[in-house]
Amino acid sequence: MSSGNQIVKLNIGGAQFHALKSTLIKRSGFFKTLSETGAPVARDEFGAIFIDRSPEHFDLILNFMRDGDVELPDSEKEIKEIQKEADFYQLPSLIKLCEEKIPFKKFRHIKSDFELLDALAAYSKVFIVIPGILPN
C-alpha cells in the first residue's frame, strides 16, 4: 500500500471491496499500521488483500471510514457485532458511537456462572445481590 490515491482491493471473508488507500488509513489504525510497516499481508488469487473476517458489516465499516459517521442499526446484537469489528479495525470513533447507541443497563439478572464471569470481565464495577443474605 503506497500512494494515497491508489485503489486497494480487499477480500473480506470472501466478499470483494474496493477503496482508496487514503480512505482506509484515514481513520483505521489497522490499515494505517499495514501501510506504514509494510508488513506482509495475505492475498487472494486475484491479488486482493485477504482479511479473514466476516464481511457482514464491512459495508458499514467502510462507509464510516469514508465519512466519519454512519447510521447504526437499532438491533443491540448488530451494534455489538459492529463494535467488535470496529475494535478489530482499530476505529475508536466507531467504537464510541456503538457504545453511545447501546442502552446502559444498570441491573442485569445473571442466570449462570458463565454470565457472571462475562459480567465481571465486561464491567469495572459489579454489584452482586444474593437473595436471603443481608449485610450486618
C-alpha atoms as a PDB file:
ATOM      1  CA  MET A   1       0.000   0.000   0.000  1.00  0.00           C
ATOM      2  CA  SER A   2       1.786   3.143  -1.165  1.00  0.00           C
ATOM      3  CA  SER A   3       0.184   6.208  -2.821  1.00  0.00           C
ATOM      4  CA  GLY A   4      -2.929   7.748  -1.161  1.00  0.00           C
ATOM      5  CA  ASN A   5      -4.988   7.713  -4.384  1.00  0.00           C
ATOM      6  CA  GLN A   6      -4.209   4.064  -5.012  1.00  0.00           C
ATOM      7  CA  ILE A   7      -7.261   1.803  -5.232  1.00  0.00           C
ATOM      8  CA  VAL A   8      -6.935  -1.053  -2.771  1.00  0.00           C
ATOM      9  CA  LYS A   9      -8.717  -4.323  -3.461  1.00  0.00           C
ATOM     10  CA  LEU A  10      -9.904  -6.116  -0.338  1.00  0.00           C
ATOM     11  CA  ASN A  11     -11.239  -9.609   0.129  1.00  0.00           C
ATOM     12  CA  ILE A  12     -13.067  -9.592   3.457  1.00  0.00           C
ATOM     13  CA  GLY A  13     -14.116 -13.150   4.252  1.00  0.00           C
ATOM     14  CA  GLY A  14     -14.719 -13.888   0.560  1.00  0.00           C
ATOM     15  CA  ALA A  15     -16.518 -10.622  -0.323  1.00  0.00           C
ATOM     16  CA  GLN A  16     -14.761  -8.122  -2.582  1.00  0.00           C
ATOM     17  CA  PHE A  17     -14.444  -4.429  -1.679  1.00  0.00           C
ATOM     18  CA  HIS A  18     -12.530  -1.549  -3.252  1.00  0.00           C
ATOM     19  CA  ALA A  19     -11.449   1.672  -1.554  1.00  0.00           C
ATOM     20  CA  LEU A  20      -8.836   4.356  -1.849  1.00  0.00           C
ATOM     21  CA  LYS A  21      -5.809   3.812   0.327  1.00  0.00           C
ATOM     22  CA  SER A  22      -6.339   7.292   1.793  1.00  0.00           C
ATOM     23  CA  THR A  23      -9.849   6.247   2.899  1.00  0.00           C
ATOM     24  CA  LEU A  24      -8.548   3.139   4.630  1.00  0.00           C
ATOM     25  CA  ILE A  25      -5.706   4.800   6.534  1.00  0.00           C
ATOM     26  CA  LYS A  26      -7.549   7.997   7.484  1.00  0.00           C
ATOM     27  CA  ARG A  27      -9.386   6.508  10.487  1.00  0.00           C
ATOM     28  CA  SER A  28      -8.314   2.875  10.798  1.00  0.00           C
ATOM     29  CA  GLY A  29      -5.306   2.038  12.923  1.00  0.00           C
ATOM     30  CA  PHE A  30      -5.348  -1.458  11.413  1.00  0.00           C
ATOM     31  CA  PHE A  31      -4.936  -0.288   7.810  1.00  0.00           C
ATOM     32  CA  LYS A  32      -2.602   2.542   8.801  1.00  0.00           C
ATOM     33  CA  THR A  33      -0.293   0.045  10.509  1.00  0.00           C
ATOM     34  CA  LEU A  34      -0.388  -2.218   7.446  1.00  0.00           C
ATOM     35  CA  SER A  35       0.525   0.743   5.262  1.00  0.00           C
ATOM     36  CA  GLU A  36       3.281   2.169   7.445  1.00  0.00           C
ATOM     37  CA  THR A  37       5.030  -1.047   8.414  1.00  0.00           C
ATOM     38  CA  GLY A  38       4.882  -2.758   5.057  1.00  0.00           C
ATOM     39  CA  ALA A  39       4.065  -5.947   6.933  1.00  0.00           C
ATOM     40  CA  PRO A  40       3.411  -8.947   4.706  1.00  0.00           C
ATOM     41  CA  VAL A  41      -0.294  -9.471   4.037  1.00  0.00           C
ATOM     42  CA  ALA A  42      -2.245 -12.466   2.811  1.00  0.00           C
ATOM     43  CA  ARG A  43      -3.539 -12.047  -0.723  1.00  0.00           C
ATOM     44  CA  ASP A  44      -6.162 -13.975  -2.647  1.00  0.00           C
ATOM     45  CA  GLU A  45      -5.645 -15.436  -6.127  1.00  0.00           C
ATOM     46  CA  PHE A  46      -6.542 -12.051  -7.698  1.00  0.00           C
ATOM     47  CA  GLY A  47      -4.069 -10.061  -5.600  1.00  0.00           C
ATOM     48  CA  ALA A  48      -6.642  -8.557  -3.225  1.00  0.00           C
ATOM     49  CA  ILE A  49      -5.624  -8.189   0.416  1.00  0.00           C
ATOM     50  CA  PHE A  50      -7.338 -11.040   2.248  1.00  0.00           C
ATOM     51  CA  ILE A  51      -8.716 -10.383   5.724  1.00  0.00           C
ATOM     52  CA  ASP A  52     -10.212 -13.379   7.491  1.00  0.00           C
ATOM     53  CA  ARG A  53     -13.224 -11.577   8.992  1.00  0.00           C
ATOM     54  CA  SER A  54     -16.950 -11.689   8.362  1.00  0.00           C
ATOM     55  CA  PRO A  55     -17.984  -9.358   5.530  1.00  0.00           C
ATOM     56  CA  GLU A  56     -21.461  -8.892   7.065  1.00  0.00           C
ATOM     57  CA  HIS A  57     -20.896  -5.369   8.436  1.00  0.00           C
ATOM     58  CA  PHE A  58     -17.910  -4.307   6.337  1.00  0.00           C
ATOM     59  CA  ASP A  59     -20.037  -2.052   4.079  1.00  0.00           C
ATOM     60  CA  LEU A  60     -20.971  -0.057   7.169  1.00  0.00           C
ATOM     61  CA  ILE A  61     -17.370  -0.102   8.455  1.00  0.00           C
ATOM     62  CA  LEU A  62     -16.091   1.140   5.089  1.00  0.00           C
ATOM     63  CA  ASN A  63     -18.720   3.896   4.930  1.00  0.00           C
ATOM     64  CA  PHE A  64     -17.629   5.005   8.396  1.00  0.00           C
ATOM     65  CA  MET A  65     -14.013   5.136   7.208  1.00  0.00           C
ATOM     66  CA  ARG A  66     -15.154   7.282   4.271  1.00  0.00           C
ATOM     67  CA  ASP A  67     -17.418   9.723   6.127  1.00  0.00           C
ATOM     68  CA  GLY A  68     -16.519   9.542   9.818  1.00  0.00           C
ATOM     69  CA  ASP A  69     -20.150   8.866  10.676  1.00  0.00           C
ATOM     70  CA  VAL A  70     -22.697   6.178   9.971  1.00  0.00           C
ATOM     71  CA  GLU A  71     -26.291   5.302  10.836  1.00  0.00           C
ATOM     72  CA  LEU A  72     -26.181   2.305  13.162  1.00  0.00           C
ATOM     73  CA  PRO A  73     -28.944  -0.309  13.166  1.00  0.00           C
ATOM     74  CA  ASP A  74     -31.427  -0.495  16.040  1.00  0.00           C
ATOM     75  CA  SER A  75     -30.535  -4.071  16.969  1.00  0.00           C
ATOM     76  CA  GLU A  76     -28.288  -4.233  20.036  1.00  0.00           C
ATOM     77  CA  LYS A  77     -26.908  -7.555  18.760  1.00  0.00           C
ATOM     78  CA  GLU A  78     -25.866  -5.988  15.439  1.00  0.00           C
ATOM     79  CA  ILE A  79     -24.357  -2.966  17.182  1.00  0.00           C
ATOM     80  CA  LYS A  80     -22.245  -5.280  19.352  1.00  0.00           C
ATOM     81  CA  GLU A  81     -21.108  -7.151  16.223  1.00  0.00           C
ATOM     82  CA  ILE A  82     -20.171  -3.838  14.577  1.00  0.00           C
ATOM     83  CA  GLN A  83     -18.366  -2.755  17.738  1.00  0.00           C
ATOM     84  CA  LYS A  84     -16.343  -5.980  17.669  1.00  0.00           C
ATOM     85  CA  GLU A  85     -15.358  -5.331  14.042  1.00  0.00           C
ATOM     86  CA  ALA A  86     -14.564  -1.685  14.851  1.00  0.00           C
ATOM     87  CA  ASP A  87     -12.241  -2.951  17.566  1.00  0.00           C
ATOM     88  CA  PHE A  88     -10.502  -5.275  15.083  1.00  0.00           C
ATOM     89  CA  TYR A  89     -10.060  -2.487  12.505  1.00  0.00           C
ATOM     90  CA  GLN A  90      -8.972  -0.079  15.274  1.00  0.00           C
ATOM     91  CA  LEU A  91     -11.708   2.515  14.773  1.00  0.00           C
ATOM     92  CA  PRO A  92     -12.049   4.207  18.197  1.00  0.00           C
ATOM     93  CA  SER A  93     -14.631   6.750  16.994  1.00  0.00           C
ATOM     94  CA  LEU A  94     -16.902   3.981  15.714  1.00  0.00           C
ATOM     95  CA  ILE A  95     -16.457   2.036  18.954  1.00  0.00           C
ATOM     96  CA  LYS A  96     -17.577   5.142  20.855  1.00  0.00           C
ATOM     97  CA  LEU A  97     -20.562   5.598  18.527  1.00  0.00           C
ATOM     98  CA  CYS A  98     -21.605   1.996  19.213  1.00  0.00           C
ATOM     99  CA  GLU A  99     -21.212   2.467  22.969  1.00  0.00           C
ATOM    100  CA  GLU A 100     -23.419   5.564  22.854  1.00  0.00           C
ATOM    101  CA  LYS A 101     -26.137   3.719  20.911  1.00  0.00           C
ATOM    102  CA  ILE A 102     -26.320   0.685  23.227  1.00  0.00           C
ATOM    103  CA  PRO A 103     -28.548   1.478  26.202  1.00  0.00           C
ATOM    104  CA  PHE A 104     -26.734   1.275  29.516  1.00  0.00           C
ATOM    105  CA  LYS A 105     -28.207  -1.419  31.707  1.00  0.00           C
ATOM    106  CA  LYS A 106     -27.936  -0.687  35.418  1.00  0.00           C
ATOM    107  CA  PHE A 107     -29.232  -4.066  36.521  1.00  0.00           C
ATOM    108  CA  ARG A 108     -28.921  -7.443  34.931  1.00  0.00           C
ATOM    109  CA  HIS A 109     -30.243 -10.762  36.144  1.00  0.00           C
ATOM    110  CA  ILE A 110     -27.447 -13.312  35.916  1.00  0.00           C
ATOM    111  CA  LYS A 111     -28.641 -16.865  35.381  1.00  0.00           C
ATOM    112  CA  SER A 112     -25.409 -18.868  35.125  1.00  0.00           C
ATOM    113  CA  ASP A 113     -21.772 -18.949  36.171  1.00  0.00           C
ATOM    114  CA  PHE A 114     -20.806 -18.125  32.575  1.00  0.00           C
ATOM    115  CA  GLU A 115     -22.957 -14.962  32.611  1.00  0.00           C
ATOM    116  CA  LEU A 116     -21.406 -13.948  35.953  1.00  0.00           C
ATOM    117  CA  LEU A 117     -17.882 -14.325  34.563  1.00  0.00           C
ATOM    118  CA  ASP A 118     -18.918 -12.390  31.449  1.00  0.00           C
ATOM    119  CA  ALA A 119     -20.312  -9.551  33.604  1.00  0.00           C
ATOM    120  CA  LEU A 120     -17.212  -9.459  35.796  1.00  0.00           C
ATOM    121  CA  ALA A 121     -14.969  -9.249  32.727  1.00  0.00           C
ATOM    122  CA  ALA A 122     -17.038  -6.564  30.991  1.00  0.00           C
ATOM    123  CA  TYR A 123     -17.604  -4.072  33.792  1.00  0.00           C
ATOM    124  CA  SER A 124     -15.245  -2.380  36.202  1.00  0.00           C
ATOM    125  CA  LYS A 125     -17.882  -2.281  38.974  1.00  0.00           C
ATOM    126  CA  VAL A 126     -20.194  -5.202  39.615  1.00  0.00           C
ATOM    127  CA  PHE A 127     -22.671  -5.297  42.483  1.00  0.00           C
ATOM    128  CA  ILE A 128     -23.941  -8.757  43.313  1.00  0.00           C
ATOM    129  CA  VAL A 129     -27.156  -9.279  45.276  1.00  0.00           C
ATOM    130  CA  ILE A 130     -27.741 -12.728  46.699  1.00  0.00           C
ATOM    131  CA  PRO A 131     -31.332 -13.206  47.889  1.00  0.00           C
ATOM    132  CA  GLY A 132     -31.619 -14.169  51.553  1.00  0.00           C
ATOM    133  CA  ILE A 133     -28.229 -12.786  52.539  1.00  0.00           C
ATOM    134  CA  LEU A 134     -28.240  -9.402  54.220  1.00  0.00           C
ATOM    135  CA  PRO A 135     -25.214  -7.412  55.358  1.00  0.00           C
ATOM    136  CA  ASN A 136     -24.774  -6.959  59.142  1.00  0.00           C
END
